[in-house]
Amino acid sequence: MNWTKTRSWIYKNLFWLLIIMSLGILLLAGSNYITNLWWKDVLEKIGIAILSSGVFASVLKSIQFTGIFKEEVGKVMLETDFIKNRRDLPDLWSKISKIIYDRKFKKISKDLEQIILDNYFPTNSKFYYKDYFVTINIDKINKDFEVSYTQTCSYDVIVAKNVDEITLTLETSITQEDDAKSSTIVNELEYFTVNGNPQKTKEDPETVNNKNFSRYFMDIKGKGPHKIESKYNRKYSLKNENYKLFRLNHFTKNMDVAISYPKDICVSFFNIGLIHKFDPVHVEIENQIYRKHRKSLIFPKQGFGMSFEKK
């Protein structure tokens, strides 16, 4: 006897078996074969209970076969409001991503899920940038291969829902080796405005008197969006590294870059970590580089770079 096939047959025909069994017990309870009233009452209750189970099994199986039960449960589990009200979204994401990564890259799935959760999910972000416009005007590269330029930035800060106050962080880093003329370094914040109003920034005590690296903080109140504008004056040596990197610290939607330079300098533009690269525009204009990014988001740690050469 094949028990697997028998069990499968019983499961498929469970409804009819329960109905037949319940009717048989009810007929027995109402027959003259049982004369004891207590047994009649017990058998009658058992028959009704089994009959109810059969009806319930029939309805449940009918729902299962029509797909209604599965679809409704799926709707509840995937409903946006249901997901929004969960308090374990990071854990839920980790479990889902682990299943996805384990299928192909089991040995590195844990590293993948943590990096993506920490760096590419806005779990800790209170704002993002929109319509970011960077203008870099290169004045000259002198005979000592020192570059002088100004950099202006204009962008909107879009604040997250239910957030009334944020802190912007402005960081600038200049890489210059000890054998270069460190005294020539200029890294000055000329102005910083919020919604057209000049602001006083707070410099991180750790970067005070550090010409190579600076960090400024600005507390901004209100739901926004806030219009931010800033300008830096910079000068430093390119002897050890003839390039400049511009990385963003927050998610950015839409970005334009305009670079101008003298005729005796060659400037090359390159993308940093982008899935969708910057598109070149106005390529016919000499001694200027224009790029725009519209196809997707720019993620934290992504951006662009420039390399310099003298003709």
C-alpha atoms as a PDB file:
ATOM      1  CA  MET A   1       0.000   0.000   0.000  1.00  0.00           C
ATOM      2  CA  ASN A   2       1.397   3.383  -1.051  1.00  0.00           C
ATOM      3  CA  TRP A   3       0.786   5.612   1.989  1.00  0.00           C
ATOM      4  CA  THR A   4       1.736   8.826   0.122  1.00  0.00           C
ATOM      5  CA  LYS A   5      -0.879   8.252  -2.574  1.00  0.00           C
ATOM      6  CA  THR A   6      -3.468   7.234   0.029  1.00  0.00           C
ATOM      7  CA  ARG A   7      -2.815  10.355   2.097  1.00  0.00           C
ATOM      8  CA  SER A   8      -3.055  12.506  -1.021  1.00  0.00           C
ATOM      9  CA  TRP A   9      -6.368  10.881  -1.975  1.00  0.00           C
ATOM     10  CA  ILE A  10      -7.774  11.423   1.528  1.00  0.00           C
ATOM     11  CA  TYR A  11      -6.738  15.097   1.452  1.00  0.00           C
ATOM     12  CA  LYS A  12      -8.333  15.680  -1.959  1.00  0.00           C
ATOM     13  CA  ASN A  13     -11.581  13.987  -0.921  1.00  0.00           C
ATOM     14  CA  LEU A  14     -11.634  15.102   2.700  1.00  0.00           C
ATOM     15  CA  PHE A  15     -14.828  17.105   2.205  1.00  0.00           C
ATOM     16  CA  TRP A  16     -16.859  14.152   0.944  1.00  0.00           C
ATOM     17  CA  LEU A  17     -15.400  11.801   3.531  1.00  0.00           C
ATOM     18  CA  LEU A  18     -16.388  14.171   6.355  1.00  0.00           C
ATOM     19  CA  ILE A  19     -19.887  14.659   4.932  1.00  0.00           C
ATOM     20  CA  ILE A  20     -20.474  10.929   4.522  1.00  0.00           C
ATOM     21  CA  MET A  21     -19.057  10.220   7.972  1.00  0.00           C
ATOM     22  CA  SER A  22     -21.216  12.899   9.622  1.00  0.00           C
ATOM     23  CA  LEU A  23     -24.379  11.749   7.857  1.00  0.00           C
ATOM     24  CA  GLY A  24     -23.671   8.162   8.855  1.00  0.00           C
ATOM     25  CA  ILE A  25     -23.246   9.151  12.503  1.00  0.00           C
ATOM     26  CA  LEU A  26     -26.412  11.278  12.450  1.00  0.00           C
ATOM     27  CA  LEU A  27     -28.414   8.412  10.884  1.00  0.00           C
ATOM     28  CA  LEU A  28     -27.055   6.059  13.509  1.00  0.00           C
ATOM     29  CA  ALA A  29     -28.011   8.483  16.266  1.00  0.00           C
ATOM     30  CA  GLY A  30     -31.585   8.688  14.923  1.00  0.00           C
ATOM     31  CA  SER A  31     -31.994   4.978  14.332  1.00  0.00           C
ATOM     32  CA  ASN A  32     -33.521   2.398  16.639  1.00  0.00           C
ATOM     33  CA  TYR A  33     -30.181   0.624  17.022  1.00  0.00           C
ATOM     34  CA  ILE A  34     -29.181   3.124  19.702  1.00  0.00           C
ATOM     35  CA  THR A  35     -31.645   3.132  22.562  1.00  0.00           C
ATOM     36  CA  ASN A  36     -29.551   4.936  25.174  1.00  0.00           C
ATOM     37  CA  LEU A  37     -30.534   8.598  25.143  1.00  0.00           C
ATOM     38  CA  TRP A  38     -27.083   9.735  26.370  1.00  0.00           C
ATOM     39  CA  TRP A  39     -25.339   7.961  23.483  1.00  0.00           C
ATOM     40  CA  LYS A  40     -27.883   9.357  21.015  1.00  0.00           C
ATOM     41  CA  ASP A  41     -27.111  12.862  22.215  1.00  0.00           C
ATOM     42  CA  VAL A  42     -23.341  12.311  22.038  1.00  0.00           C
ATOM     43  CA  LEU A  43     -23.488  10.812  18.529  1.00  0.00           C
ATOM     44  CA  GLU A  44     -25.724  13.629  17.330  1.00  0.00           C
ATOM     45  CA  LYS A  45     -23.263  16.258  18.581  1.00  0.00           C
ATOM     46  CA  ILE A  46     -20.330  14.402  17.019  1.00  0.00           C
ATOM     47  CA  GLY A  47     -22.174  14.170  13.699  1.00  0.00           C
ATOM     48  CA  ILE A  48     -22.982  17.894  13.675  1.00  0.00           C
ATOM     49  CA  ALA A  49     -19.370  18.766  14.554  1.00  0.00           C
ATOM     50  CA  ILE A  50     -17.993  16.617  11.720  1.00  0.00           C
ATOM     51  CA  LEU A  51     -20.574  18.017   9.304  1.00  0.00           C
ATOM     52  CA  SER A  52     -19.515  21.561  10.215  1.00  0.00           C
ATOM     53  CA  SER A  53     -15.876  20.628   9.662  1.00  0.00           C
ATOM     54  CA  GLY A  54     -16.732  19.248   6.250  1.00  0.00           C
ATOM     55  CA  VAL A  55     -18.558  22.408   5.223  1.00  0.00           C
ATOM     56  CA  PHE A  56     -15.651  24.583   6.464  1.00  0.00           C
ATOM     57  CA  ALA A  57     -13.123  22.421   4.593  1.00  0.00           C
ATOM     58  CA  SER A  58     -15.219  22.741   1.443  1.00  0.00           C
ATOM     59  CA  VAL A  59     -15.371  26.530   1.641  1.00  0.00           C
ATOM     60  CA  LEU A  60     -11.669  26.820   2.428  1.00  0.00           C
ATOM     61  CA  LYS A  61     -10.669  24.552  -0.420  1.00  0.00           C
ATOM     62  CA  SER A  62     -12.959  26.421  -2.796  1.00  0.00           C
ATOM     63  CA  ILE A  63     -11.291  29.719  -1.859  1.00  0.00           C
ATOM     64  CA  GLN A  64      -7.878  28.131  -2.232  1.00  0.00           C
ATOM     65  CA  PHE A  65      -8.625  26.806  -5.711  1.00  0.00           C
ATOM     66  CA  THR A  66     -10.059  30.103  -6.912  1.00  0.00           C
ATOM     67  CA  GLY A  67      -6.932  31.910  -5.705  1.00  0.00           C
ATOM     68  CA  ILE A  68      -8.913  34.394  -3.643  1.00  0.00           C
ATOM     69  CA  PHE A  69      -7.310  33.451  -0.356  1.00  0.00           C
ATOM     70  CA  LYS A  70      -3.790  33.657  -1.767  1.00  0.00           C
ATOM     71  CA  GLU A  71      -4.443  36.948  -3.531  1.00  0.00           C
ATOM     72  CA  GLU A  72      -6.012  38.589  -0.485  1.00  0.00           C
ATOM     73  CA  VAL A  73      -3.187  37.548   1.819  1.00  0.00           C
ATOM     74  CA  GLY A  74      -0.706  38.817  -0.762  1.00  0.00           C
ATOM     75  CA  LYS A  75      -2.503  42.144  -0.956  1.00  0.00           C
ATOM     76  CA  VAL A  76      -2.402  42.568   2.820  1.00  0.00           C
ATOM     77  CA  MET A  77       1.270  41.616   3.111  1.00  0.00           C
ATOM     78  CA  LEU A  78       2.339  43.891   0.258  1.00  0.00           C
ATOM     79  CA  GLU A  79      -0.037  46.756   0.948  1.00  0.00           C
ATOM     80  CA  THR A  80       1.854  50.047   1.243  1.00  0.00           C
ATOM     81  CA  ASP A  81       0.121  51.035   4.484  1.00  0.00           C
ATOM     82  CA  PHE A  82       0.901  47.649   6.017  1.00  0.00           C
ATOM     83  CA  ILE A  83       4.592  48.006   5.151  1.00  0.00           C
ATOM     84  CA  LYS A  84       4.750  51.631   6.310  1.00  0.00           C
ATOM     85  CA  ASN A  85       3.416  50.693   9.736  1.00  0.00           C
ATOM     86  CA  ARG A  86       6.064  48.038  10.302  1.00  0.00           C
ATOM     87  CA  ARG A  87       8.783  48.902  12.799  1.00  0.00           C
ATOM     88  CA  ASP A  88      11.280  46.320  11.536  1.00  0.00           C
ATOM     89  CA  LEU A  89      11.908  47.543   7.989  1.00  0.00           C
ATOM     90  CA  PRO A  90      15.748  47.311   8.245  1.00  0.00           C
ATOM     91  CA  ASP A  91      15.435  43.718   9.488  1.00  0.00           C
ATOM     92  CA  LEU A  92      12.855  42.980   6.798  1.00  0.00           C
ATOM     93  CA  TRP A  93      15.175  44.418   4.149  1.00  0.00           C
ATOM     94  CA  SER A  94      18.080  42.322   5.455  1.00  0.00           C
ATOM     95  CA  LYS A  95      16.037  39.140   5.272  1.00  0.00           C
ATOM     96  CA  ILE A  96      14.777  39.860   1.760  1.00  0.00           C
ATOM     97  CA  SER A  97      18.178  40.938   0.440  1.00  0.00           C
ATOM     98  CA  LYS A  98      19.867  37.914   2.021  1.00  0.00           C
ATOM     99  CA  ILE A  99      17.553  35.608   0.085  1.00  0.00           C
ATOM    100  CA  ILE A 100      18.310  37.510  -3.149  1.00  0.00           C
ATOM    101  CA  TYR A 101      22.088  37.580  -2.687  1.00  0.00           C
ATOM    102  CA  ASP A 102      22.362  34.018  -1.388  1.00  0.00           C
ATOM    103  CA  ARG A 103      21.114  32.704  -4.701  1.00  0.00           C
ATOM    104  CA  LYS A 104      24.278  33.872  -6.461  1.00  0.00           C
ATOM    105  CA  PHE A 105      26.820  35.257  -4.005  1.00  0.00           C
ATOM    106  CA  LYS A 106      26.266  33.543  -0.686  1.00  0.00           C
ATOM    107  CA  LYS A 107      29.794  34.171   0.624  1.00  0.00           C
ATOM    108  CA  ILE A 108      29.536  37.950   0.268  1.00  0.00           C
ATOM    109  CA  SER A 109      25.777  38.397   0.791  1.00  0.00           C
ATOM    110  CA  LYS A 110      26.173  39.732   4.342  1.00  0.00           C
ATOM    111  CA  ASP A 111      28.680  42.376   3.223  1.00  0.00           C
ATOM    112  CA  LEU A 112      26.478  43.370   0.284  1.00  0.00           C
ATOM    113  CA  GLU A 113      23.338  43.817   2.360  1.00  0.00           C
ATOM    114  CA  GLN A 114      25.086  45.926   5.016  1.00  0.00           C
ATOM    115  CA  ILE A 115      26.864  48.199   2.530  1.00  0.00           C
ATOM    116  CA  ILE A 116      23.686  48.836   0.569  1.00  0.00           C
ATOM    117  CA  LEU A 117      21.621  49.408   3.712  1.00  0.00           C
ATOM    118  CA  ASP A 118      24.148  51.816   5.243  1.00  0.00           C
ATOM    119  CA  ASN A 119      25.137  53.765   2.121  1.00  0.00           C
ATOM    120  CA  TYR A 120      22.400  53.496  -0.487  1.00  0.00           C
ATOM    121  CA  PHE A 121      19.205  53.468   1.557  1.00  0.00           C
ATOM    122  CA  PRO A 122      18.034  56.814   2.994  1.00  0.00           C
ATOM    123  CA  THR A 123      17.466  55.278   6.430  1.00  0.00           C
ATOM    124  CA  ASN A 124      19.499  57.966   8.213  1.00  0.00           C
ATOM    125  CA  SER A 125      19.049  60.820   5.731  1.00  0.00           C
ATOM    126  CA  LYS A 126      16.910  63.806   6.644  1.00  0.00           C
ATOM    127  CA  PHE A 127      17.220  65.566   3.279  1.00  0.00           C
ATOM    128  CA  TYR A 128      18.464  65.315  -0.295  1.00  0.00           C
ATOM    129  CA  TYR A 129      19.773  67.761  -2.908  1.00  0.00           C
ATOM    130  CA  LYS A 130      17.894  68.847  -6.006  1.00  0.00           C
ATOM    131  CA  ASP A 131      18.960  70.897  -9.041  1.00  0.00           C
ATOM    132  CA  TYR A 132      22.600  71.052  -8.000  1.00  0.00           C
ATOM    133  CA  PHE A 133      24.629  73.519 -10.129  1.00  0.00           C
ATOM    134  CA  VAL A 134      28.423  73.641  -9.792  1.00  0.00           C
ATOM    135  CA  THR A 135      30.530  76.300 -11.517  1.00  0.00           C
ATOM    136  CA  ILE A 136      34.320  75.993 -11.480  1.00  0.00           C
ATOM    137  CA  ASN A 137      36.329  78.878 -12.951  1.00  0.00           C
ATOM    138  CA  ILE A 138      40.005  77.992 -13.291  1.00  0.00           C
ATOM    139  CA  ASP A 139      42.078  81.141 -13.274  1.00  0.00           C
ATOM    140  CA  LYS A 140      45.495  79.693 -14.024  1.00  0.00           C
ATOM    141  CA  ILE A 141      48.071  77.004 -13.441  1.00  0.00           C
ATOM    142  CA  ASN A 142      51.361  78.774 -12.824  1.00  0.00           C
ATOM    143  CA  LYS A 143      54.920  77.655 -13.592  1.00  0.00           C
ATOM    144  CA  ASP A 144      55.087  75.803 -10.238  1.00  0.00           C
ATOM    145  CA  PHE A 145      52.035  73.813 -11.319  1.00  0.00           C
ATOM    146  CA  GLU A 146      49.771  75.441  -8.757  1.00  0.00           C
ATOM    147  CA  VAL A 147      46.106  75.708  -9.719  1.00  0.00           C
ATOM    148  CA  SER A 148      43.950  78.695  -8.735  1.00  0.00           C
ATOM    149  CA  TYR A 149      40.174  78.569  -9.130  1.00  0.00           C
ATOM    150  CA  THR A 150      36.821  79.554  -7.665  1.00  0.00           C
ATOM    151  CA  GLN A 151      34.004  77.126  -7.062  1.00  0.00           C
ATOM    152  CA  THR A 152      30.371  78.143  -6.626  1.00  0.00           C
ATOM    153  CA  CYS A 153      27.520  75.793  -5.752  1.00  0.00           C
ATOM    154  CA  SER A 154      23.786  76.388  -5.929  1.00  0.00           C
ATOM    155  CA  TYR A 155      21.191  73.758  -4.973  1.00  0.00           C
ATOM    156  CA  ASP A 156      17.914  73.098  -3.208  1.00  0.00           C
ATOM    157  CA  VAL A 157      17.730  71.084  -0.006  1.00  0.00           C
ATOM    158  CA  ILE A 158      14.563  68.961   0.126  1.00  0.00           C
ATOM    159  CA  VAL A 159      13.752  68.076   3.729  1.00  0.00           C
ATOM    160  CA  ALA A 160      12.160  64.780   4.727  1.00  0.00           C
ATOM    161  CA  LYS A 161       8.589  64.640   5.971  1.00  0.00           C
ATOM    162  CA  ASN A 162       8.119  65.493   9.667  1.00  0.00           C
ATOM    163  CA  VAL A 163      11.619  67.040   9.881  1.00  0.00           C
ATOM    164  CA  ASP A 164      11.847  70.696  10.946  1.00  0.00           C
ATOM    165  CA  GLU A 165      15.587  71.158  11.483  1.00  0.00           C
ATOM    166  CA  ILE A 166      18.666  69.830   9.699  1.00  0.00           C
ATOM    167  CA  THR A 167      22.417  70.325   9.859  1.00  0.00           C
ATOM    168  CA  LEU A 168      24.340  70.790   6.621  1.00  0.00           C
ATOM    169  CA  THR A 169      27.991  69.767   6.554  1.00  0.00           C
ATOM    170  CA  LEU A 170      30.424  71.360   4.095  1.00  0.00           C
ATOM    171  CA  GLU A 171      33.726  69.522   3.682  1.00  0.00           C
ATOM    172  CA  THR A 172      36.683  70.364   1.476  1.00  0.00           C
ATOM    173  CA  SER A 173      39.848  68.348   1.149  1.00  0.00           C
ATOM    174  CA  ILE A 174      43.072  69.283  -0.635  1.00  0.00           C
ATOM    175  CA  THR A 175      45.704  66.613  -1.172  1.00  0.00           C
ATOM    176  CA  GLN A 176      49.185  68.061  -1.203  1.00  0.00           C
ATOM    177  CA  GLU A 177      52.328  66.194  -0.247  1.00  0.00           C
ATOM    178  CA  ASP A 178      54.929  67.555   2.181  1.00  0.00           C
ATOM    179  CA  ASP A 179      57.447  68.285  -0.548  1.00  0.00           C
ATOM    180  CA  ALA A 180      54.997  70.739  -2.186  1.00  0.00           C
ATOM    181  CA  LYS A 181      54.837  74.371  -1.101  1.00  0.00           C
ATOM    182  CA  SER A 182      52.195  74.030   1.589  1.00  0.00           C
ATOM    183  CA  SER A 183      52.337  77.762   2.331  1.00  0.00           C
ATOM    184  CA  THR A 184      50.628  78.462  -1.001  1.00  0.00           C
ATOM    185  CA  ILE A 185      47.454  76.610  -0.050  1.00  0.00           C
ATOM    186  CA  VAL A 186      44.288  78.716  -0.167  1.00  0.00           C
ATOM    187  CA  ASN A 187      41.005  77.112   0.865  1.00  0.00           C
ATOM    188  CA  GLU A 188      38.606  79.902   1.832  1.00  0.00           C
ATOM    189  CA  LEU A 189      34.833  79.889   2.093  1.00  0.00           C
ATOM    190  CA  GLU A 190      33.892  83.297   0.682  1.00  0.00           C
ATOM    191  CA  TYR A 191      30.169  83.117   1.396  1.00  0.00           C
ATOM    192  CA  PHE A 192      27.352  80.778   2.346  1.00  0.00           C
ATOM    193  CA  THR A 193      23.695  81.776   1.982  1.00  0.00           C
ATOM    194  CA  VAL A 194      20.382  80.111   2.816  1.00  0.00           C
ATOM    195  CA  ASN A 195      17.375  81.374   0.868  1.00  0.00           C
ATOM    196  CA  GLY A 196      19.407  84.456  -0.094  1.00  0.00           C
ATOM    197  CA  ASN A 197      20.432  85.318   3.467  1.00  0.00           C
ATOM    198  CA  PRO A 198      24.159  85.268   4.402  1.00  0.00           C
ATOM    199  CA  GLN A 199      24.897  82.789   7.161  1.00  0.00           C
ATOM    200  CA  LYS A 200      27.668  82.354   9.682  1.00  0.00           C
ATOM    201  CA  THR A 201      29.008  78.836   9.535  1.00  0.00           C
ATOM    202  CA  LYS A 202      30.522  76.933  12.450  1.00  0.00           C
ATOM    203  CA  GLU A 203      33.857  75.336  11.682  1.00  0.00           C
ATOM    204  CA  ASP A 204      34.689  72.002  13.208  1.00  0.00           C
ATOM    205  CA  PRO A 205      37.336  72.583  15.927  1.00  0.00           C
ATOM    206  CA  GLU A 206      39.287  69.662  14.508  1.00  0.00           C
ATOM    207  CA  THR A 207      39.838  71.447  11.182  1.00  0.00           C
ATOM    208  CA  VAL A 208      40.656  74.944  12.443  1.00  0.00           C
ATOM    209  CA  ASN A 209      44.060  76.063  11.080  1.00  0.00           C
ATOM    210  CA  ASN A 210      44.139  73.044   8.783  1.00  0.00           C
ATOM    211  CA  LYS A 211      44.643  74.363   5.249  1.00  0.00           C
ATOM    212  CA  ASN A 212      44.324  70.929   3.658  1.00  0.00           C
ATOM    213  CA  PHE A 213      40.964  70.004   5.117  1.00  0.00           C
ATOM    214  CA  SER A 214      38.017  72.014   6.407  1.00  0.00           C
ATOM    215  CA  ARG A 215      34.589  71.156   7.738  1.00  0.00           C
ATOM    216  CA  TYR A 216      31.767  73.607   8.373  1.00  0.00           C
ATOM    217  CA  PHE A 217      28.339  73.087   9.957  1.00  0.00           C
ATOM    218  CA  MET A 218      25.146  75.007   9.347  1.00  0.00           C
ATOM    219  CA  ASP A 219      21.871  74.480  11.252  1.00  0.00           C
ATOM    220  CA  ILE A 220      18.793  75.203   9.147  1.00  0.00           C
ATOM    221  CA  LYS A 221      15.243  75.369  10.486  1.00  0.00           C
ATOM    222  CA  GLY A 222      12.013  75.000   8.547  1.00  0.00           C
ATOM    223  CA  LYS A 223      10.473  72.445   6.247  1.00  0.00           C
ATOM    224  CA  GLY A 224      11.996  73.966   3.114  1.00  0.00           C
ATOM    225  CA  PRO A 225      12.884  73.520   0.387  1.00  0.00           C
ATOM    226  CA  HIS A 226      15.930  75.680   1.168  1.00  0.00           C
ATOM    227  CA  LYS A 227      18.039  77.389  -1.488  1.00  0.00           C
ATOM    228  CA  ILE A 228      21.751  77.040  -0.717  1.00  0.00           C
ATOM    229  CA  GLU A 229      24.552  79.020  -2.356  1.00  0.00           C
ATOM    230  CA  SER A 230      28.257  78.951  -1.528  1.00  0.00           C
ATOM    231  CA  LYS A 231      31.580  80.032  -2.987  1.00  0.00           C
ATOM    232  CA  TYR A 232      35.148  78.857  -2.338  1.00  0.00           C
ATOM    233  CA  ASN A 233      38.493  80.349  -3.376  1.00  0.00           C
ATOM    234  CA  ARG A 234      41.211  77.732  -3.759  1.00  0.00           C
ATOM    235  CA  LYS A 235      44.866  77.435  -4.649  1.00  0.00           C
ATOM    236  CA  TYR A 236      47.161  74.450  -4.198  1.00  0.00           C
ATOM    237  CA  SER A 237      49.880  72.403  -5.878  1.00  0.00           C
ATOM    238  CA  LEU A 238      49.160  69.741  -8.497  1.00  0.00           C
ATOM    239  CA  LYS A 239      52.671  68.281  -8.486  1.00  0.00           C
ATOM    240  CA  ASN A 240      51.680  65.054  -6.759  1.00  0.00           C
ATOM    241  CA  GLU A 241      48.077  64.710  -7.937  1.00  0.00           C
ATOM    242  CA  ASN A 242      46.956  66.559 -11.043  1.00  0.00           C
ATOM    243  CA  TYR A 243      43.244  66.044 -10.478  1.00  0.00           C
ATOM    244  CA  LYS A 244      40.301  67.319  -8.440  1.00  0.00           C
ATOM    245  CA  LEU A 245      37.431  65.166  -7.147  1.00  0.00           C
ATOM    246  CA  PHE A 246      33.909  66.347  -6.361  1.00  0.00           C
ATOM    247  CA  ARG A 247      31.841  63.804  -4.421  1.00  0.00           C
ATOM    248  CA  LEU A 248      28.365  64.362  -3.013  1.00  0.00           C
ATOM    249  CA  ASN A 249      27.442  63.376   0.537  1.00  0.00           C
ATOM    250  CA  HIS A 250      23.707  63.051  -0.038  1.00  0.00           C
ATOM    251  CA  PHE A 251      21.287  61.784  -2.664  1.00  0.00           C
ATOM    252  CA  THR A 252      21.054  64.288  -5.510  1.00  0.00           C
ATOM    253  CA  LYS A 253      18.394  64.699  -8.179  1.00  0.00           C
ATOM    254  CA  ASN A 254      19.540  66.640 -11.268  1.00  0.00           C
ATOM    255  CA  MET A 255      23.006  68.151 -11.490  1.00  0.00           C
ATOM    256  CA  ASP A 256      24.759  70.570 -13.847  1.00  0.00           C
ATOM    257  CA  VAL A 257      28.499  71.208 -14.042  1.00  0.00           C
ATOM    258  CA  ALA A 258      30.150  74.167 -15.812  1.00  0.00           C
ATOM    259  CA  ILE A 259      33.959  74.365 -15.980  1.00  0.00           C
ATOM    260  CA  SER A 260      35.935  77.166 -17.628  1.00  0.00           C
ATOM    261  CA  TYR A 261      39.739  77.323 -18.034  1.00  0.00           C
ATOM    262  CA  PRO A 262      42.474  79.310 -19.843  1.00  0.00           C
ATOM    263  CA  LYS A 263      43.736  78.402 -23.316  1.00  0.00           C
ATOM    264  CA  ASP A 264      47.071  77.121 -22.038  1.00  0.00           C
ATOM    265  CA  ILE A 265      45.423  74.390 -19.907  1.00  0.00           C
ATOM    266  CA  CYS A 266      43.864  71.061 -20.866  1.00  0.00           C
ATOM    267  CA  VAL A 267      41.052  69.848 -18.576  1.00  0.00           C
ATOM    268  CA  SER A 268      39.495  66.370 -18.748  1.00  0.00           C
ATOM    269  CA  PHE A 269      36.186  65.427 -17.124  1.00  0.00           C
ATOM    270  CA  PHE A 270      35.440  61.954 -15.677  1.00  0.00           C
ATOM    271  CA  ASN A 271      32.589  60.312 -13.773  1.00  0.00           C
ATOM    272  CA  ILE A 272      32.938  58.827 -10.288  1.00  0.00           C
ATOM    273  CA  GLY A 273      30.874  55.735  -9.437  1.00  0.00           C
ATOM    274  CA  LEU A 274      27.838  56.681 -11.526  1.00  0.00           C
ATOM    275  CA  ILE A 275      25.533  54.096 -13.084  1.00  0.00           C
ATOM    276  CA  HIS A 276      24.241  56.696 -15.553  1.00  0.00           C
ATOM    277  CA  LYS A 277      27.003  59.078 -16.576  1.00  0.00           C
ATOM    278  CA  PHE A 278      26.855  62.827 -17.069  1.00  0.00           C
ATOM    279  CA  ASP A 279      25.778  63.868 -20.545  1.00  0.00           C
ATOM    280  CA  PRO A 280      27.936  66.391 -22.434  1.00  0.00           C
ATOM    281  CA  VAL A 281      26.211  69.596 -23.576  1.00  0.00           C
ATOM    282  CA  HIS A 282      27.427  72.727 -25.418  1.00  0.00           C
ATOM    283  CA  VAL A 283      30.462  70.815 -26.673  1.00  0.00           C
ATOM    284  CA  GLU A 284      31.074  73.458 -29.343  1.00  0.00           C
ATOM    285  CA  ILE A 285      32.242  76.067 -26.809  1.00  0.00           C
ATOM    286  CA  GLU A 286      36.011  76.251 -26.460  1.00  0.00           C
ATOM    287  CA  ASN A 287      37.811  76.198 -23.113  1.00  0.00           C
ATOM    288  CA  GLN A 288      34.631  75.205 -21.304  1.00  0.00           C
ATOM    289  CA  ILE A 289      33.090  71.922 -20.176  1.00  0.00           C
ATOM    290  CA  TYR A 290      29.363  71.510 -19.617  1.00  0.00           C
ATOM    291  CA  ARG A 291      27.782  68.357 -18.229  1.00  0.00           C
ATOM    292  CA  LYS A 292      24.307  67.506 -16.995  1.00  0.00           C
ATOM    293  CA  HIS A 293      22.866  64.551 -15.093  1.00  0.00           C
ATOM    294  CA  ARG A 294      19.151  63.815 -15.468  1.00  0.00           C
ATOM    295  CA  LYS A 295      18.725  60.068 -16.030  1.00  0.00           C
ATOM    296  CA  SER A 296      18.734  58.888 -12.419  1.00  0.00           C
ATOM    297  CA  LEU A 297      19.846  59.760  -8.901  1.00  0.00           C
ATOM    298  CA  ILE A 298      23.393  60.493  -7.846  1.00  0.00           C
ATOM    299  CA  PHE A 299      24.121  58.483  -4.714  1.00  0.00           C
ATOM    300  CA  PRO A 300      26.360  59.423  -1.780  1.00  0.00           C
ATOM    301  CA  LYS A 301      30.085  59.069  -2.542  1.00  0.00           C
ATOM    302  CA  GLN A 302      29.387  59.532  -6.280  1.00  0.00           C
ATOM    303  CA  GLY A 303      30.161  62.584  -8.409  1.00  0.00           C
ATOM    304  CA  PHE A 304      32.767  63.710 -10.940  1.00  0.00           C
ATOM    305  CA  GLY A 305      36.432  64.596 -11.281  1.00  0.00           C
ATOM    306  CA  MET A 306      38.776  66.714 -13.379  1.00  0.00           C
ATOM    307  CA  SER A 307      42.374  66.197 -14.419  1.00  0.00           C
ATOM    308  CA  PHE A 308      44.696  69.042 -15.472  1.00  0.00           C
ATOM    309  CA  GLU A 309      47.614  69.449 -17.890  1.00  0.00           C
ATOM    310  CA  LYS A 310      49.620  72.379 -19.128  1.00  0.00           C
ATOM    311  CA  LYS A 311      49.910  72.791 -22.890  1.00  0.00           C
END
